[in-house]
Each structure stands twice: as structure tokens, then as C-alpha cells.
């Protein structure tokens, strides 16, 4: 049985402020505690200092990519469900993401329905 959504926190990492805010506007009203990061480094600091249940990571960030950031999350705390978001999904990216144990990769633009569904599925898989 999944906990109430209010019990979950979500890290949204994207170097585009509008993308971060759009995702926050989807999840915060549903009761998720949201953390916003504009870089991989900022995301790493948030994961180090807070209990994050799931991470949404844009693939293309200024210094560390979403994939590199995910690899560092793994070293820090093992399993953290992460969804990579990319404007250019291809087989190579999918293989690399799965090798870093990403939950999935979603192509931009993402529909509200899809992102909510995938986050819910990831939380069920990891926390049930």
C-alpha cells in the first residue's frame, strides 16, 4: 500500500527555469514536497542534505549531465528512483540511462498525464 503523496518529496532538476516551474506546478498542488535545482551540482547538494524520494533529471545540464548526476546519486545513497528527461531520446541514451539504473527516460515535451503516471509508478515500485 502506497503512502499518501504528502509523504513523498520530488527533486526537479532542469537548467530551464520555466521547465522547473511547470513541473513544480504539476506536483506541488498534489501534495508532493518539491525541491528545485538548476544544475547537477545543486541537485547533489539537495540529495545530500534532504530526504528525496524521486528525482526528475533533465539530461542536458550545464556541467554535469543528468546521467552523470544520477551516477553520483547512486554512489551517495544507492537506490534513488530517477526519471531522465531529454529532448533527444535515442537508443544510445536509453541504454546508458538503464545502465545507471534510471527508472525510465521520457522525451520532451512531456504531457502532464504521462509524467504524473510515471512518477506514481516509480514510487509504487520503490516504496511498496
C-alpha atoms as a PDB file:
ATOM      1  CA  UNK A   1       0.000   0.000   0.000  1.00  0.00           C
ATOM      2  CA  UNK A   2       1.497   3.312  -1.104  1.00  0.00           C
ATOM      3  CA  UNK A   3       1.809   6.116   1.444  1.00  0.00           C
ATOM      4  CA  UNK A   4      -0.052   9.361   0.998  1.00  0.00           C
ATOM      5  CA  UNK A   5       1.507  11.572  -1.627  1.00  0.00           C
ATOM      6  CA  UNK A   6       2.210  14.151   1.088  1.00  0.00           C
ATOM      7  CA  UNK A   7       4.853  11.785   2.407  1.00  0.00           C
ATOM      8  CA  UNK A   8       6.922  12.000  -0.798  1.00  0.00           C
ATOM      9  CA  UNK A   9       9.446  14.545  -1.945  1.00  0.00           C
ATOM     10  CA  UNK A  10      10.451  15.089  -5.544  1.00  0.00           C
ATOM     11  CA  UNK A  11      13.626  16.701  -6.869  1.00  0.00           C
ATOM     12  CA  UNK A  12      13.158  18.571 -10.144  1.00  0.00           C
ATOM     13  CA  UNK A  13      16.445  19.351 -11.912  1.00  0.00           C
ATOM     14  CA  UNK A  14      16.453  21.385 -15.113  1.00  0.00           C
ATOM     15  CA  UNK A  15      18.581  24.352 -16.181  1.00  0.00           C
ATOM     16  CA  UNK A  16      15.464  25.918 -17.719  1.00  0.00           C
ATOM     17  CA  UNK A  17      13.544  27.829 -15.034  1.00  0.00           C
ATOM     18  CA  UNK A  18      10.234  27.567 -16.913  1.00  0.00           C
ATOM     19  CA  UNK A  19      10.569  23.768 -17.127  1.00  0.00           C
ATOM     20  CA  UNK A  20      11.336  23.523 -13.401  1.00  0.00           C
ATOM     21  CA  UNK A  21       8.378  25.716 -12.521  1.00  0.00           C
ATOM     22  CA  UNK A  22       5.987  23.829 -14.822  1.00  0.00           C
ATOM     23  CA  UNK A  23       6.910  20.522 -13.168  1.00  0.00           C
ATOM     24  CA  UNK A  24       6.624  22.080  -9.710  1.00  0.00           C
ATOM     25  CA  UNK A  25       3.148  23.367 -10.629  1.00  0.00           C
ATOM     26  CA  UNK A  26       2.146  19.806 -11.562  1.00  0.00           C
ATOM     27  CA  UNK A  27       3.411  18.109  -8.391  1.00  0.00           C
ATOM     28  CA  UNK A  28       3.206  20.658  -5.542  1.00  0.00           C
ATOM     29  CA  UNK A  29      -0.609  21.015  -5.660  1.00  0.00           C
ATOM     30  CA  UNK A  30      -0.877  17.223  -5.407  1.00  0.00           C
ATOM     31  CA  UNK A  31       0.934  17.391  -2.073  1.00  0.00           C
ATOM     32  CA  UNK A  32       4.478  16.478  -3.072  1.00  0.00           C
ATOM     33  CA  UNK A  33       7.269  18.317  -1.310  1.00  0.00           C
ATOM     34  CA  UNK A  34       9.300  19.765  -4.184  1.00  0.00           C
ATOM     35  CA  UNK A  35      12.978  20.619  -4.410  1.00  0.00           C
ATOM     36  CA  UNK A  36      14.207  22.577  -7.419  1.00  0.00           C
ATOM     37  CA  UNK A  37      17.746  22.508  -8.817  1.00  0.00           C
ATOM     38  CA  UNK A  38      19.154  24.194 -11.906  1.00  0.00           C
ATOM     39  CA  UNK A  39      22.324  22.084 -12.114  1.00  0.00           C
ATOM     40  CA  UNK A  40      23.614  18.631 -11.314  1.00  0.00           C
ATOM     41  CA  UNK A  41      25.788  20.090  -8.576  1.00  0.00           C
ATOM     42  CA  UNK A  42      22.811  21.767  -6.914  1.00  0.00           C
ATOM     43  CA  UNK A  43      20.822  18.508  -7.210  1.00  0.00           C
ATOM     44  CA  UNK A  44      23.659  16.604  -5.496  1.00  0.00           C
ATOM     45  CA  UNK A  45      23.644  19.102  -2.611  1.00  0.00           C
ATOM     46  CA  UNK A  46      19.868  18.698  -2.225  1.00  0.00           C
ATOM     47  CA  UNK A  47      20.094  14.883  -2.195  1.00  0.00           C
ATOM     48  CA  UNK A  48      22.931  15.055   0.336  1.00  0.00           C
ATOM     49  CA  UNK A  49      21.017  17.374   2.692  1.00  0.00           C
ATOM     50  CA  UNK A  50      17.383  16.213   2.301  1.00  0.00           C
ATOM     51  CA  UNK A  51      15.360  13.046   2.051  1.00  0.00           C
ATOM     52  CA  UNK A  52      14.414  12.876  -1.622  1.00  0.00           C
ATOM     53  CA  UNK A  53      12.143  10.044  -2.767  1.00  0.00           C
ATOM     54  CA  UNK A  54      12.372  10.541  -6.527  1.00  0.00           C
ATOM     55  CA  UNK A  55      14.373  12.687  -8.934  1.00  0.00           C
ATOM     56  CA  UNK A  56      13.412  14.156 -12.293  1.00  0.00           C
ATOM     57  CA  UNK A  57      16.611  14.989 -14.153  1.00  0.00           C
ATOM     58  CA  UNK A  58      16.974  16.872 -17.402  1.00  0.00           C
ATOM     59  CA  UNK A  59      19.633  15.123 -19.477  1.00  0.00           C
ATOM     60  CA  UNK A  60      21.281  18.333 -20.707  1.00  0.00           C
ATOM     61  CA  UNK A  61      22.537  20.386 -17.787  1.00  0.00           C
ATOM     62  CA  UNK A  62      25.383  22.953 -17.817  1.00  0.00           C
ATOM     63  CA  UNK A  63      28.286  20.925 -16.370  1.00  0.00           C
ATOM     64  CA  UNK A  64      27.224  17.505 -15.118  1.00  0.00           C
ATOM     65  CA  UNK A  65      24.654  15.820 -17.354  1.00  0.00           C
ATOM     66  CA  UNK A  66      21.543  14.273 -15.862  1.00  0.00           C
ATOM     67  CA  UNK A  67      23.160  10.875 -16.366  1.00  0.00           C
ATOM     68  CA  UNK A  68      26.385  11.913 -14.594  1.00  0.00           C
ATOM     69  CA  UNK A  69      24.329  13.391 -11.758  1.00  0.00           C
ATOM     70  CA  UNK A  70      22.394  10.129 -11.448  1.00  0.00           C
ATOM     71  CA  UNK A  71      25.665   8.158 -11.254  1.00  0.00           C
ATOM     72  CA  UNK A  72      26.758  10.359  -8.324  1.00  0.00           C
ATOM     73  CA  UNK A  73      23.362   9.855  -6.603  1.00  0.00           C
ATOM     74  CA  UNK A  74      23.988   6.093  -6.842  1.00  0.00           C
ATOM     75  CA  UNK A  75      27.385   6.458  -5.141  1.00  0.00           C
ATOM     76  CA  UNK A  76      25.859   8.630  -2.403  1.00  0.00           C
ATOM     77  CA  UNK A  77      22.835   6.607  -1.456  1.00  0.00           C
ATOM     78  CA  UNK A  78      22.310   3.625  -3.697  1.00  0.00           C
ATOM     79  CA  UNK A  79      18.763   3.333  -4.926  1.00  0.00           C
ATOM     80  CA  UNK A  80      17.017   6.585  -5.731  1.00  0.00           C
ATOM     81  CA  UNK A  81      14.342   6.318  -8.394  1.00  0.00           C
ATOM     82  CA  UNK A  82      15.199   8.760 -11.160  1.00  0.00           C
ATOM     83  CA  UNK A  83      13.463   9.716 -14.367  1.00  0.00           C
ATOM     84  CA  UNK A  84      15.632  11.258 -17.054  1.00  0.00           C
ATOM     85  CA  UNK A  85      14.053  13.823 -19.349  1.00  0.00           C
ATOM     86  CA  UNK A  86      15.591  14.600 -22.712  1.00  0.00           C
ATOM     87  CA  UNK A  87      14.760  16.498 -25.862  1.00  0.00           C
ATOM     88  CA  UNK A  88      16.695  13.935 -27.873  1.00  0.00           C
ATOM     89  CA  UNK A  89      15.877  10.408 -26.733  1.00  0.00           C
ATOM     90  CA  UNK A  90      17.610   7.702 -28.737  1.00  0.00           C
ATOM     91  CA  UNK A  91      18.635   4.076 -28.211  1.00  0.00           C
ATOM     92  CA  UNK A  92      22.100   5.060 -27.013  1.00  0.00           C
ATOM     93  CA  UNK A  93      20.711   7.347 -24.308  1.00  0.00           C
ATOM     94  CA  UNK A  94      18.197   4.681 -23.276  1.00  0.00           C
ATOM     95  CA  UNK A  95      20.954   2.087 -22.889  1.00  0.00           C
ATOM     96  CA  UNK A  96      23.178   4.451 -20.891  1.00  0.00           C
ATOM     97  CA  UNK A  97      20.264   5.500 -18.672  1.00  0.00           C
ATOM     98  CA  UNK A  98      19.285   1.917 -17.945  1.00  0.00           C
ATOM     99  CA  UNK A  99      22.908   1.038 -17.167  1.00  0.00           C
ATOM    100  CA  UNK A 100      22.797   3.778 -14.496  1.00  0.00           C
ATOM    101  CA  UNK A 101      19.515   2.277 -13.242  1.00  0.00           C
ATOM    102  CA  UNK A 102      17.286   5.167 -14.282  1.00  0.00           C
ATOM    103  CA  UNK A 103      13.638   4.220 -13.857  1.00  0.00           C
ATOM    104  CA  UNK A 104      12.951   5.453 -17.397  1.00  0.00           C
ATOM    105  CA  UNK A 105      13.713   8.175 -19.929  1.00  0.00           C
ATOM    106  CA  UNK A 106      10.954  10.489 -21.107  1.00  0.00           C
ATOM    107  CA  UNK A 107      11.128  12.612 -24.240  1.00  0.00           C
ATOM    108  CA  UNK A 108      10.373  16.324 -24.135  1.00  0.00           C
ATOM    109  CA  UNK A 109       7.807  17.692 -24.378  1.00  0.00           C
ATOM    110  CA  UNK A 110       6.144  15.521 -21.736  1.00  0.00           C
ATOM    111  CA  UNK A 111       2.420  15.516 -21.165  1.00  0.00           C
ATOM    112  CA  UNK A 112       1.206  16.195 -17.639  1.00  0.00           C
ATOM    113  CA  UNK A 113      -0.654  12.868 -17.619  1.00  0.00           C
ATOM    114  CA  UNK A 114       2.453  10.873 -18.592  1.00  0.00           C
ATOM    115  CA  UNK A 115       4.806  12.452 -16.042  1.00  0.00           C
ATOM    116  CA  UNK A 116       2.283  12.034 -13.202  1.00  0.00           C
ATOM    117  CA  UNK A 117       1.671   8.398 -14.174  1.00  0.00           C
ATOM    118  CA  UNK A 118       5.378   7.549 -14.456  1.00  0.00           C
ATOM    119  CA  UNK A 119       6.270   9.219 -11.135  1.00  0.00           C
ATOM    120  CA  UNK A 120       3.444   7.334  -9.425  1.00  0.00           C
ATOM    121  CA  UNK A 121       4.607   4.027 -10.956  1.00  0.00           C
ATOM    122  CA  UNK A 122       8.218   4.640  -9.867  1.00  0.00           C
ATOM    123  CA  UNK A 123       7.155   5.465  -6.304  1.00  0.00           C
ATOM    124  CA  UNK A 124       4.997   2.326  -6.144  1.00  0.00           C
ATOM    125  CA  UNK A 125       7.853   0.162  -7.390  1.00  0.00           C
ATOM    126  CA  UNK A 126      10.452   1.578  -4.997  1.00  0.00           C
ATOM    127  CA  UNK A 127       8.396   2.161  -1.855  1.00  0.00           C
ATOM    128  CA  UNK A 128       5.847  -0.634  -1.751  1.00  0.00           C
END
